[in-house]
Amino acid sequence: MLGFDFHETFSLMVKPITIKVIITFVVTYDWKLFELDVNNSYLNGFFKWNVYIVQPPRFEVENKALVCKLNKAFYGVKQTPRQWFHRLKHTFH
């Protein structure tokens, strides 16, 4: 079903007050503060359902009716952030 769950997207955002509280703890308790940037983190999400996409440009075969089945989440798919967060959340529980 085309576009079936596009309304179920997710975007992890940090509120400014959270950053202020963390910085307050760092200063108060003389903790070390580190910044971490995770490259390609979205590539670690998995879909629990079948997701199909049209053939990407330059990878098309002659039969235009064929589609590609995704085995893992990747950038550009609207459900990818939700799937990545789901996997991250269950890793630490």
PDB file of N, CA and C in Angstrom:
ATOM      1  N   MET A   1       0.845  -1.166   0.000  1.00  0.00           N
ATOM      2  CA  MET A   1       0.000   0.000   0.000  1.00  0.00           C
ATOM      3  C   MET A   1       0.904   1.248   0.000  1.00  0.00           C
ATOM      4  N   LEU A   2       0.856   1.997  -1.029  1.00  0.00           N
ATOM      5  CA  LEU A   2       1.735   3.148  -1.217  1.00  0.00           C
ATOM      6  C   LEU A   2       1.522   4.208  -0.136  1.00  0.00           C
ATOM      7  N   GLY A   3       2.610   4.552   0.557  1.00  0.00           N
ATOM      8  CA  GLY A   3       2.538   5.606   1.561  1.00  0.00           C
ATOM      9  C   GLY A   3       1.749   5.244   2.799  1.00  0.00           C
ATOM     10  N   PHE A   4       1.606   3.975   3.097  1.00  0.00           N
ATOM     11  CA  PHE A   4       0.744   3.491   4.168  1.00  0.00           C
ATOM     12  C   PHE A   4       1.051   4.107   5.528  1.00  0.00           C
ATOM     13  N   ASP A   5       2.330   4.163   5.917  1.00  0.00           N
ATOM     14  CA  ASP A   5       2.643   4.612   7.270  1.00  0.00           C
ATOM     15  C   ASP A   5       3.483   5.882   7.292  1.00  0.00           C
ATOM     16  N   PHE A   6       3.312   6.741   6.324  1.00  0.00           N
ATOM     17  CA  PHE A   6       4.103   7.959   6.282  1.00  0.00           C
ATOM     18  C   PHE A   6       3.715   8.921   7.384  1.00  0.00           C
ATOM     19  N   HIS A   7       2.592   8.733   8.030  1.00  0.00           N
ATOM     20  CA  HIS A   7       2.208   9.603   9.136  1.00  0.00           C
ATOM     21  C   HIS A   7       2.900   9.181  10.434  1.00  0.00           C
ATOM     22  N   GLU A   8       3.564   8.018  10.462  1.00  0.00           N
ATOM     23  CA  GLU A   8       4.238   7.525  11.647  1.00  0.00           C
ATOM     24  C   GLU A   8       5.736   7.785  11.576  1.00  0.00           C
ATOM     25  N   THR A   9       6.118   9.035  11.452  1.00  0.00           N
ATOM     26  CA  THR A   9       7.534   9.390  11.419  1.00  0.00           C
ATOM     27  C   THR A   9       7.958   9.903  12.792  1.00  0.00           C
ATOM     28  N   PHE A  10       9.261  10.032  12.979  1.00  0.00           N
ATOM     29  CA  PHE A  10       9.771  10.417  14.279  1.00  0.00           C
ATOM     30  C   PHE A  10      11.032  11.239  14.084  1.00  0.00           C
ATOM     31  N   SER A  11      11.200  12.262  14.880  1.00  0.00           N
ATOM     32  CA  SER A  11      12.404  13.071  14.829  1.00  0.00           C
ATOM     33  C   SER A  11      12.860  13.348  16.256  1.00  0.00           C
ATOM     34  N   LEU A  12      14.006  12.786  16.611  1.00  0.00           N
ATOM     35  CA  LEU A  12      14.537  12.958  17.954  1.00  0.00           C
ATOM     36  C   LEU A  12      15.120  14.356  18.087  1.00  0.00           C
ATOM     37  N   MET A  13      14.594  15.144  19.017  1.00  0.00           N
ATOM     38  CA  MET A  13      15.058  16.514  19.228  1.00  0.00           C
ATOM     39  C   MET A  13      15.346  16.716  20.708  1.00  0.00           C
ATOM     40  N   VAL A  14      16.370  17.503  20.990  1.00  0.00           N
ATOM     41  CA  VAL A  14      16.716  17.842  22.364  1.00  0.00           C
ATOM     42  C   VAL A  14      16.208  19.257  22.639  1.00  0.00           C
ATOM     43  N   LYS A  15      15.532  19.411  23.757  1.00  0.00           N
ATOM     44  CA  LYS A  15      15.032  20.730  24.126  1.00  0.00           C
ATOM     45  C   LYS A  15      16.176  21.560  24.706  1.00  0.00           C
ATOM     46  N   PRO A  16      16.153  22.874  24.481  1.00  0.00           N
ATOM     47  CA  PRO A  16      17.219  23.740  25.028  1.00  0.00           C
ATOM     48  C   PRO A  16      17.370  23.641  26.542  1.00  0.00           C
ATOM     49  N   ILE A  17      16.284  23.454  27.265  1.00  0.00           N
ATOM     50  CA  ILE A  17      16.374  23.347  28.722  1.00  0.00           C
ATOM     51  C   ILE A  17      17.173  22.114  29.131  1.00  0.00           C
ATOM     52  N   THR A  18      17.093  21.045  28.359  1.00  0.00           N
ATOM     53  CA  THR A  18      17.862  19.837  28.651  1.00  0.00           C
ATOM     54  C   THR A  18      19.355  20.112  28.543  1.00  0.00           C
ATOM     55  N   ILE A  19      19.744  20.842  27.527  1.00  0.00           N
ATOM     56  CA  ILE A  19      21.156  21.197  27.344  1.00  0.00           C
ATOM     57  C   ILE A  19      21.628  22.069  28.500  1.00  0.00           C
ATOM     58  N   LYS A  20      20.795  23.020  28.929  1.00  0.00           N
ATOM     59  CA  LYS A  20      21.157  23.890  30.055  1.00  0.00           C
ATOM     60  C   LYS A  20      21.336  23.097  31.344  1.00  0.00           C
ATOM     61  N   VAL A  21      20.467  22.132  31.586  1.00  0.00           N
ATOM     62  CA  VAL A  21      20.564  21.307  32.795  1.00  0.00           C
ATOM     63  C   VAL A  21      21.846  20.480  32.766  1.00  0.00           C
ATOM     64  N   ILE A  22      22.169  19.894  31.625  1.00  0.00           N
ATOM     65  CA  ILE A  22      23.391  19.091  31.510  1.00  0.00           C
ATOM     66  C   ILE A  22      24.624  19.955  31.748  1.00  0.00           C
ATOM     67  N   ILE A  23      24.657  21.130  31.152  1.00  0.00           N
ATOM     68  CA  ILE A  23      25.801  22.034  31.348  1.00  0.00           C
ATOM     69  C   ILE A  23      25.897  22.469  32.813  1.00  0.00           C
ATOM     70  N   THR A  24      24.762  22.670  33.464  1.00  0.00           N
ATOM     71  CA  THR A  24      24.763  23.018  34.882  1.00  0.00           C
ATOM     72  C   THR A  24      25.384  21.904  35.718  1.00  0.00           C
ATOM     73  N   PHE A  25      25.036  20.644  35.440  1.00  0.00           N
ATOM     74  CA  PHE A  25      25.639  19.514  36.140  1.00  0.00           C
ATOM     75  C   PHE A  25      27.140  19.424  35.878  1.00  0.00           C
ATOM     76  N   VAL A  26      27.530  19.643  34.641  1.00  0.00           N
ATOM     77  CA  VAL A  26      28.948  19.584  34.277  1.00  0.00           C
ATOM     78  C   VAL A  26      29.749  20.606  35.068  1.00  0.00           C
ATOM     79  N   VAL A  27      29.246  21.829  35.148  1.00  0.00           N
ATOM     80  CA  VAL A  27      29.951  22.893  35.871  1.00  0.00           C
ATOM     81  C   VAL A  27      29.914  22.648  37.386  1.00  0.00           C
ATOM     82  N   THR A  28      28.775  22.250  37.907  1.00  0.00           N
ATOM     83  CA  THR A  28      28.606  22.053  39.344  1.00  0.00           C
ATOM     84  C   THR A  28      29.492  20.921  39.878  1.00  0.00           C
ATOM     85  N   TYR A  29      29.529  19.805  39.173  1.00  0.00           N
ATOM     86  CA  TYR A  29      30.250  18.626  39.646  1.00  0.00           C
ATOM     87  C   TYR A  29      31.611  18.441  38.982  1.00  0.00           C
ATOM     88  N   ASP A  30      32.049  19.436  38.220  1.00  0.00           N
ATOM     89  CA  ASP A  30      33.354  19.402  37.549  1.00  0.00           C
ATOM     90  C   ASP A  30      33.525  18.146  36.689  1.00  0.00           C
ATOM     91  N   TRP A  31      32.467  17.814  35.962  1.00  0.00           N
ATOM     92  CA  TRP A  31      32.523  16.659  35.066  1.00  0.00           C
ATOM     93  C   TRP A  31      33.188  17.058  33.764  1.00  0.00           C
ATOM     94  N   LYS A  32      33.654  16.068  33.026  1.00  0.00           N
ATOM     95  CA  LYS A  32      34.158  16.312  31.672  1.00  0.00           C
ATOM     96  C   LYS A  32      32.992  16.204  30.704  1.00  0.00           C
ATOM     97  N   LEU A  33      32.969  17.078  29.737  1.00  0.00           N
ATOM     98  CA  LEU A  33      31.891  17.089  28.756  1.00  0.00           C
ATOM     99  C   LEU A  33      32.458  16.695  27.397  1.00  0.00           C
ATOM    100  N   PHE A  34      31.846  15.732  26.758  1.00  0.00           N
ATOM    101  CA  PHE A  34      32.281  15.271  25.451  1.00  0.00           C
ATOM    102  C   PHE A  34      31.156  15.440  24.441  1.00  0.00           C
ATOM    103  N   GLU A  35      31.542  15.706  23.230  1.00  0.00           N
ATOM    104  CA  GLU A  35      30.577  15.772  22.132  1.00  0.00           C
ATOM    105  C   GLU A  35      30.759  14.540  21.281  1.00  0.00           C
ATOM    106  N   LEU A  36      29.663  13.951  20.860  1.00  0.00           N
ATOM    107  CA  LEU A  36      29.714  12.744  20.050  1.00  0.00           C
ATOM    108  C   LEU A  36      28.841  12.935  18.822  1.00  0.00           C
ATOM    109  N   ASP A  37      29.420  12.725  17.687  1.00  0.00           N
ATOM    110  CA  ASP A  37      28.677  12.792  16.438  1.00  0.00           C
ATOM    111  C   ASP A  37      28.700  11.404  15.817  1.00  0.00           C
ATOM    112  N   VAL A  38      27.540  10.805  15.666  1.00  0.00           N
ATOM    113  CA  VAL A  38      27.463   9.447  15.143  1.00  0.00           C
ATOM    114  C   VAL A  38      27.156   9.514  13.655  1.00  0.00           C
ATOM    115  N   ASN A  39      28.147   9.184  12.853  1.00  0.00           N
ATOM    116  CA  ASN A  39      27.952   9.149  11.406  1.00  0.00           C
ATOM    117  C   ASN A  39      27.297   7.831  11.000  1.00  0.00           C
ATOM    118  N   ASN A  40      26.417   7.897  10.073  1.00  0.00           N
ATOM    119  CA  ASN A  40      25.751   6.712   9.521  1.00  0.00           C
ATOM    120  C   ASN A  40      24.910   5.963  10.553  1.00  0.00           C
ATOM    121  N   SER A  41      24.453   6.622  11.584  1.00  0.00           N
ATOM    122  CA  SER A  41      23.677   5.946  12.626  1.00  0.00           C
ATOM    123  C   SER A  41      22.358   5.404  12.083  1.00  0.00           C
ATOM    124  N   TYR A  42      21.758   6.110  11.151  1.00  0.00           N
ATOM    125  CA  TYR A  42      20.481   5.657  10.608  1.00  0.00           C
ATOM    126  C   TYR A  42      20.602   4.347   9.848  1.00  0.00           C
ATOM    127  N   LEU A  43      21.787   3.995   9.437  1.00  0.00           N
ATOM    128  CA  LEU A  43      21.974   2.764   8.680  1.00  0.00           C
ATOM    129  C   LEU A  43      21.874   1.529   9.572  1.00  0.00           C
ATOM    130  N   ASN A  44      21.708   1.723  10.870  1.00  0.00           N
ATOM    131  CA  ASN A  44      21.608   0.600  11.795  1.00  0.00           C
ATOM    132  C   ASN A  44      20.173   0.259  12.165  1.00  0.00           C
ATOM    133  N   GLY A  45      19.217   0.896  11.551  1.00  0.00           N
ATOM    134  CA  GLY A  45      17.819   0.591  11.820  1.00  0.00           C
ATOM    135  C   GLY A  45      17.312  -0.490  10.887  1.00  0.00           C
ATOM    136  N   PHE A  46      16.365  -1.268  11.370  1.00  0.00           N
ATOM    137  CA  PHE A  46      15.759  -2.331  10.558  1.00  0.00           C
ATOM    138  C   PHE A  46      14.259  -2.108  10.501  1.00  0.00           C
ATOM    139  N   PHE A  47      13.657  -2.445   9.384  1.00  0.00           N
ATOM    140  CA  PHE A  47      12.213  -2.381   9.240  1.00  0.00           C
ATOM    141  C   PHE A  47      11.612  -3.717   9.652  1.00  0.00           C
ATOM    142  N   LYS A  48      10.469  -3.671  10.327  1.00  0.00           N
ATOM    143  CA  LYS A  48       9.759  -4.899  10.700  1.00  0.00           C
ATOM    144  C   LYS A  48       8.782  -5.325   9.611  1.00  0.00           C
ATOM    145  N   TRP A  49       8.724  -4.585   8.538  1.00  0.00           N
ATOM    146  CA  TRP A  49       7.802  -4.851   7.452  1.00  0.00           C
ATOM    147  C   TRP A  49       8.563  -4.706   6.140  1.00  0.00           C
ATOM    148  N   ASN A  50       7.922  -5.094   5.075  1.00  0.00           N
ATOM    149  CA  ASN A  50       8.537  -4.964   3.751  1.00  0.00           C
ATOM    150  C   ASN A  50       8.399  -3.531   3.253  1.00  0.00           C
ATOM    151  N   VAL A  51       9.509  -2.952   2.800  1.00  0.00           N
ATOM    152  CA  VAL A  51       9.517  -1.608   2.242  1.00  0.00           C
ATOM    153  C   VAL A  51      10.097  -1.708   0.837  1.00  0.00           C
ATOM    154  N   TYR A  52       9.357  -1.199  -0.127  1.00  0.00           N
ATOM    155  CA  TYR A  52       9.791  -1.233  -1.525  1.00  0.00           C
ATOM    156  C   TYR A  52       9.933   0.197  -2.035  1.00  0.00           C
ATOM    157  N   ILE A  53      10.922   0.416  -2.881  1.00  0.00           N
ATOM    158  CA  ILE A  53      11.131   1.727  -3.497  1.00  0.00           C
ATOM    159  C   ILE A  53      11.260   1.551  -4.993  1.00  0.00           C
ATOM    160  N   VAL A  54      11.035   2.628  -5.709  1.00  0.00           N
ATOM    161  CA  VAL A  54      11.244   2.585  -7.155  1.00  0.00           C
ATOM    162  C   VAL A  54      12.741   2.472  -7.423  1.00  0.00           C
ATOM    163  N   GLN A  55      13.084   2.040  -8.599  1.00  0.00           N
ATOM    164  CA  GLN A  55      14.488   1.879  -8.942  1.00  0.00           C
ATOM    165  C   GLN A  55      15.200   3.230  -8.890  1.00  0.00           C
ATOM    166  N   PRO A  56      16.357   3.283  -8.199  1.00  0.00           N
ATOM    167  CA  PRO A  56      17.103   4.539  -8.134  1.00  0.00           C
ATOM    168  C   PRO A  56      17.632   4.937  -9.507  1.00  0.00           C
ATOM    169  N   PRO A  57      17.856   6.223  -9.741  1.00  0.00           N
ATOM    170  CA  PRO A  57      18.421   6.658 -11.012  1.00  0.00           C
ATOM    171  C   PRO A  57      19.771   5.981 -11.270  1.00  0.00           C
ATOM    172  N   ARG A  58      20.038   5.660 -12.481  1.00  0.00           N
ATOM    173  CA  ARG A  58      21.265   5.009 -12.955  1.00  0.00           C
ATOM    174  C   ARG A  58      21.389   3.557 -12.539  1.00  0.00           C
ATOM    175  N   PHE A  59      20.422   3.008 -11.805  1.00  0.00           N
ATOM    176  CA  PHE A  59      20.438   1.599 -11.452  1.00  0.00           C
ATOM    177  C   PHE A  59      19.227   0.884 -12.036  1.00  0.00           C
ATOM    178  N   GLU A  60      18.610   1.495 -12.996  1.00  0.00           N
ATOM    179  CA  GLU A  60      17.395   0.951 -13.576  1.00  0.00           C
ATOM    180  C   GLU A  60      17.708  -0.159 -14.562  1.00  0.00           C
ATOM    181  N   VAL A  61      16.854  -1.160 -14.542  1.00  0.00           N
ATOM    182  CA  VAL A  61      16.921  -2.215 -15.546  1.00  0.00           C
ATOM    183  C   VAL A  61      15.833  -1.926 -16.568  1.00  0.00           C
ATOM    184  N   GLU A  62      15.820  -2.671 -17.630  1.00  0.00           N
ATOM    185  CA  GLU A  62      14.869  -2.376 -18.709  1.00  0.00           C
ATOM    186  C   GLU A  62      13.418  -2.513 -18.273  1.00  0.00           C
ATOM    187  N   ASN A  63      13.120  -3.452 -17.404  1.00  0.00           N
ATOM    188  CA  ASN A  63      11.753  -3.649 -16.957  1.00  0.00           C
ATOM    189  C   ASN A  63      11.423  -2.599 -15.893  1.00  0.00           C
ATOM    190  N   LYS A  64      10.695  -1.568 -16.252  1.00  0.00           N
ATOM    191  CA  LYS A  64      10.367  -0.456 -15.346  1.00  0.00           C
ATOM    192  C   LYS A  64       9.377  -0.862 -14.259  1.00  0.00           C
ATOM    193  N   ALA A  65       8.766  -2.047 -14.370  1.00  0.00           N
ATOM    194  CA  ALA A  65       7.809  -2.506 -13.371  1.00  0.00           C
ATOM    195  C   ALA A  65       8.512  -3.064 -12.132  1.00  0.00           C
ATOM    196  N   LEU A  66       9.803  -3.347 -12.214  1.00  0.00           N
ATOM    197  CA  LEU A  66      10.535  -3.895 -11.079  1.00  0.00           C
ATOM    198  C   LEU A  66      10.786  -2.808 -10.031  1.00  0.00           C
ATOM    199  N   VAL A  67      10.772  -3.209  -8.766  1.00  0.00           N
ATOM    200  CA  VAL A  67      11.058  -2.301  -7.654  1.00  0.00           C
ATOM    201  C   VAL A  67      12.178  -2.902  -6.817  1.00  0.00           C
ATOM    202  N   CYS A  68      12.687  -2.123  -5.880  1.00  0.00           N
ATOM    203  CA  CYS A  68      13.748  -2.591  -4.983  1.00  0.00           C
ATOM    204  C   CYS A  68      13.167  -2.794  -3.588  1.00  0.00           C
ATOM    205  N   LYS A  69      13.523  -3.913  -2.967  1.00  0.00           N
ATOM    206  CA  LYS A  69      13.112  -4.170  -1.586  1.00  0.00           C
ATOM    207  C   LYS A  69      14.261  -3.759  -0.675  1.00  0.00           C
ATOM    208  N   LEU A  70      13.949  -2.941   0.349  1.00  0.00           N
ATOM    209  CA  LEU A  70      14.974  -2.511   1.289  1.00  0.00           C
ATOM    210  C   LEU A  70      15.175  -3.576   2.359  1.00  0.00           C
ATOM    211  N   ASN A  71      16.437  -3.907   2.617  1.00  0.00           N
ATOM    212  CA  ASN A  71      16.762  -4.835   3.700  1.00  0.00           C
ATOM    213  C   ASN A  71      17.013  -4.092   5.005  1.00  0.00           C
ATOM    214  N   LYS A  72      17.479  -2.861   4.917  1.00  0.00           N
ATOM    215  CA  LYS A  72      17.756  -2.038   6.092  1.00  0.00           C
ATOM    216  C   LYS A  72      17.301  -0.616   5.810  1.00  0.00           C
ATOM    217  N   ALA A  73      17.151   0.153   6.879  1.00  0.00           N
ATOM    218  CA  ALA A  73      16.775   1.551   6.747  1.00  0.00           C
ATOM    219  C   ALA A  73      17.957   2.353   6.201  1.00  0.00           C
ATOM    220  N   PHE A  74      17.678   3.451   5.528  1.00  0.00           N
ATOM    221  CA  PHE A  74      18.731   4.346   5.062  1.00  0.00           C
ATOM    222  C   PHE A  74      18.179   5.752   4.948  1.00  0.00           C
ATOM    223  N   TYR A  75      19.090   6.717   4.819  1.00  0.00           N
ATOM    224  CA  TYR A  75      18.707   8.129   4.736  1.00  0.00           C
ATOM    225  C   TYR A  75      17.737   8.365   3.590  1.00  0.00           C
ATOM    226  N   GLY A  76      16.785   9.228   3.810  1.00  0.00           N
ATOM    227  CA  GLY A  76      15.830   9.574   2.773  1.00  0.00           C
ATOM    228  C   GLY A  76      14.490   8.885   2.932  1.00  0.00           C
ATOM    229  N   VAL A  77      14.428   7.820   3.703  1.00  0.00           N
ATOM    230  CA  VAL A  77      13.169   7.124   3.953  1.00  0.00           C
ATOM    231  C   VAL A  77      12.567   7.721   5.226  1.00  0.00           C
ATOM    232  N   LYS A  78      11.314   8.119   5.157  1.00  0.00           N
ATOM    233  CA  LYS A  78      10.709   8.864   6.262  1.00  0.00           C
ATOM    234  C   LYS A  78      10.614   8.064   7.564  1.00  0.00           C
ATOM    235  N   GLN A  79      10.585   6.757   7.496  1.00  0.00           N
ATOM    236  CA  GLN A  79      10.462   5.938   8.701  1.00  0.00           C
ATOM    237  C   GLN A  79      11.814   5.622   9.337  1.00  0.00           C
ATOM    238  N   THR A  80      12.919   5.964   8.676  1.00  0.00           N
ATOM    239  CA  THR A  80      14.247   5.614   9.160  1.00  0.00           C
ATOM    240  C   THR A  80      14.555   6.174  10.550  1.00  0.00           C
ATOM    241  N   PRO A  81      14.309   7.460  10.845  1.00  0.00           N
ATOM    242  CA  PRO A  81      14.614   7.953  12.198  1.00  0.00           C
ATOM    243  C   PRO A  81      13.861   7.198  13.295  1.00  0.00           C
ATOM    244  N   ARG A  82      12.632   6.857  13.028  1.00  0.00           N
ATOM    245  CA  ARG A  82      11.833   6.122  14.017  1.00  0.00           C
ATOM    246  C   ARG A  82      12.421   4.733  14.256  1.00  0.00           C
ATOM    247  N   GLN A  83      12.822   4.045  13.204  1.00  0.00           N
ATOM    248  CA  GLN A  83      13.383   2.704  13.336  1.00  0.00           C
ATOM    249  C   GLN A  83      14.734   2.736  14.042  1.00  0.00           C
ATOM    250  N   TRP A  84      15.543   3.752  13.746  1.00  0.00           N
ATOM    251  CA  TRP A  84      16.841   3.878  14.414  1.00  0.00           C
ATOM    252  C   TRP A  84      16.635   4.122  15.901  1.00  0.00           C
ATOM    253  N   PHE A  85      15.731   5.024  16.272  1.00  0.00           N
ATOM    254  CA  PHE A  85      15.474   5.313  17.678  1.00  0.00           C
ATOM    255  C   PHE A  85      14.923   4.080  18.392  1.00  0.00           C
ATOM    256  N   HIS A  86      14.063   3.338  17.723  1.00  0.00           N
ATOM    257  CA  HIS A  86      13.502   2.110  18.306  1.00  0.00           C
ATOM    258  C   HIS A  86      14.624   1.125  18.635  1.00  0.00           C
ATOM    259  N   ARG A  87      15.570   0.962  17.712  1.00  0.00           N
ATOM    260  CA  ARG A  87      16.689   0.040  17.955  1.00  0.00           C
ATOM    261  C   ARG A  87      17.588   0.570  19.073  1.00  0.00           C
ATOM    262  N   LEU A  88      17.859   1.865  19.085  1.00  0.00           N
ATOM    263  CA  LEU A  88      18.688   2.458  20.127  1.00  0.00           C
ATOM    264  C   LEU A  88      18.048   2.304  21.497  1.00  0.00           C
ATOM    265  N   LYS A  89      16.746   2.557  21.574  1.00  0.00           N
ATOM    266  CA  LYS A  89      16.011   2.473  22.833  1.00  0.00           C
ATOM    267  C   LYS A  89      16.055   1.055  23.405  1.00  0.00           C
ATOM    268  N   HIS A  90      15.890   0.065  22.550  1.00  0.00           N
ATOM    269  CA  HIS A  90      15.861  -1.320  23.021  1.00  0.00           C
ATOM    270  C   HIS A  90      17.267  -1.879  23.259  1.00  0.00           C
ATOM    271  N   THR A  91      18.285  -1.203  22.794  1.00  0.00           N
ATOM    272  CA  THR A  91      19.660  -1.643  23.054  1.00  0.00           C
ATOM    273  C   THR A  91      20.022  -1.402  24.515  1.00  0.00           C
ATOM    274  N   PHE A  92      19.515  -0.335  25.089  1.00  0.00           N
ATOM    275  CA  PHE A  92      19.875   0.036  26.446  1.00  0.00           C
ATOM    276  C   PHE A  92      18.852  -0.406  27.484  1.00  0.00           C
ATOM    277  N   HIS A  93      17.852  -1.159  27.099  1.00  0.00           N
ATOM    278  CA  HIS A  93      16.865  -1.647  28.081  1.00  0.00           C
ATOM    279  C   HIS A  93      17.091  -3.081  28.400  1.00  0.00           C
TER     280      HIS A  93
END
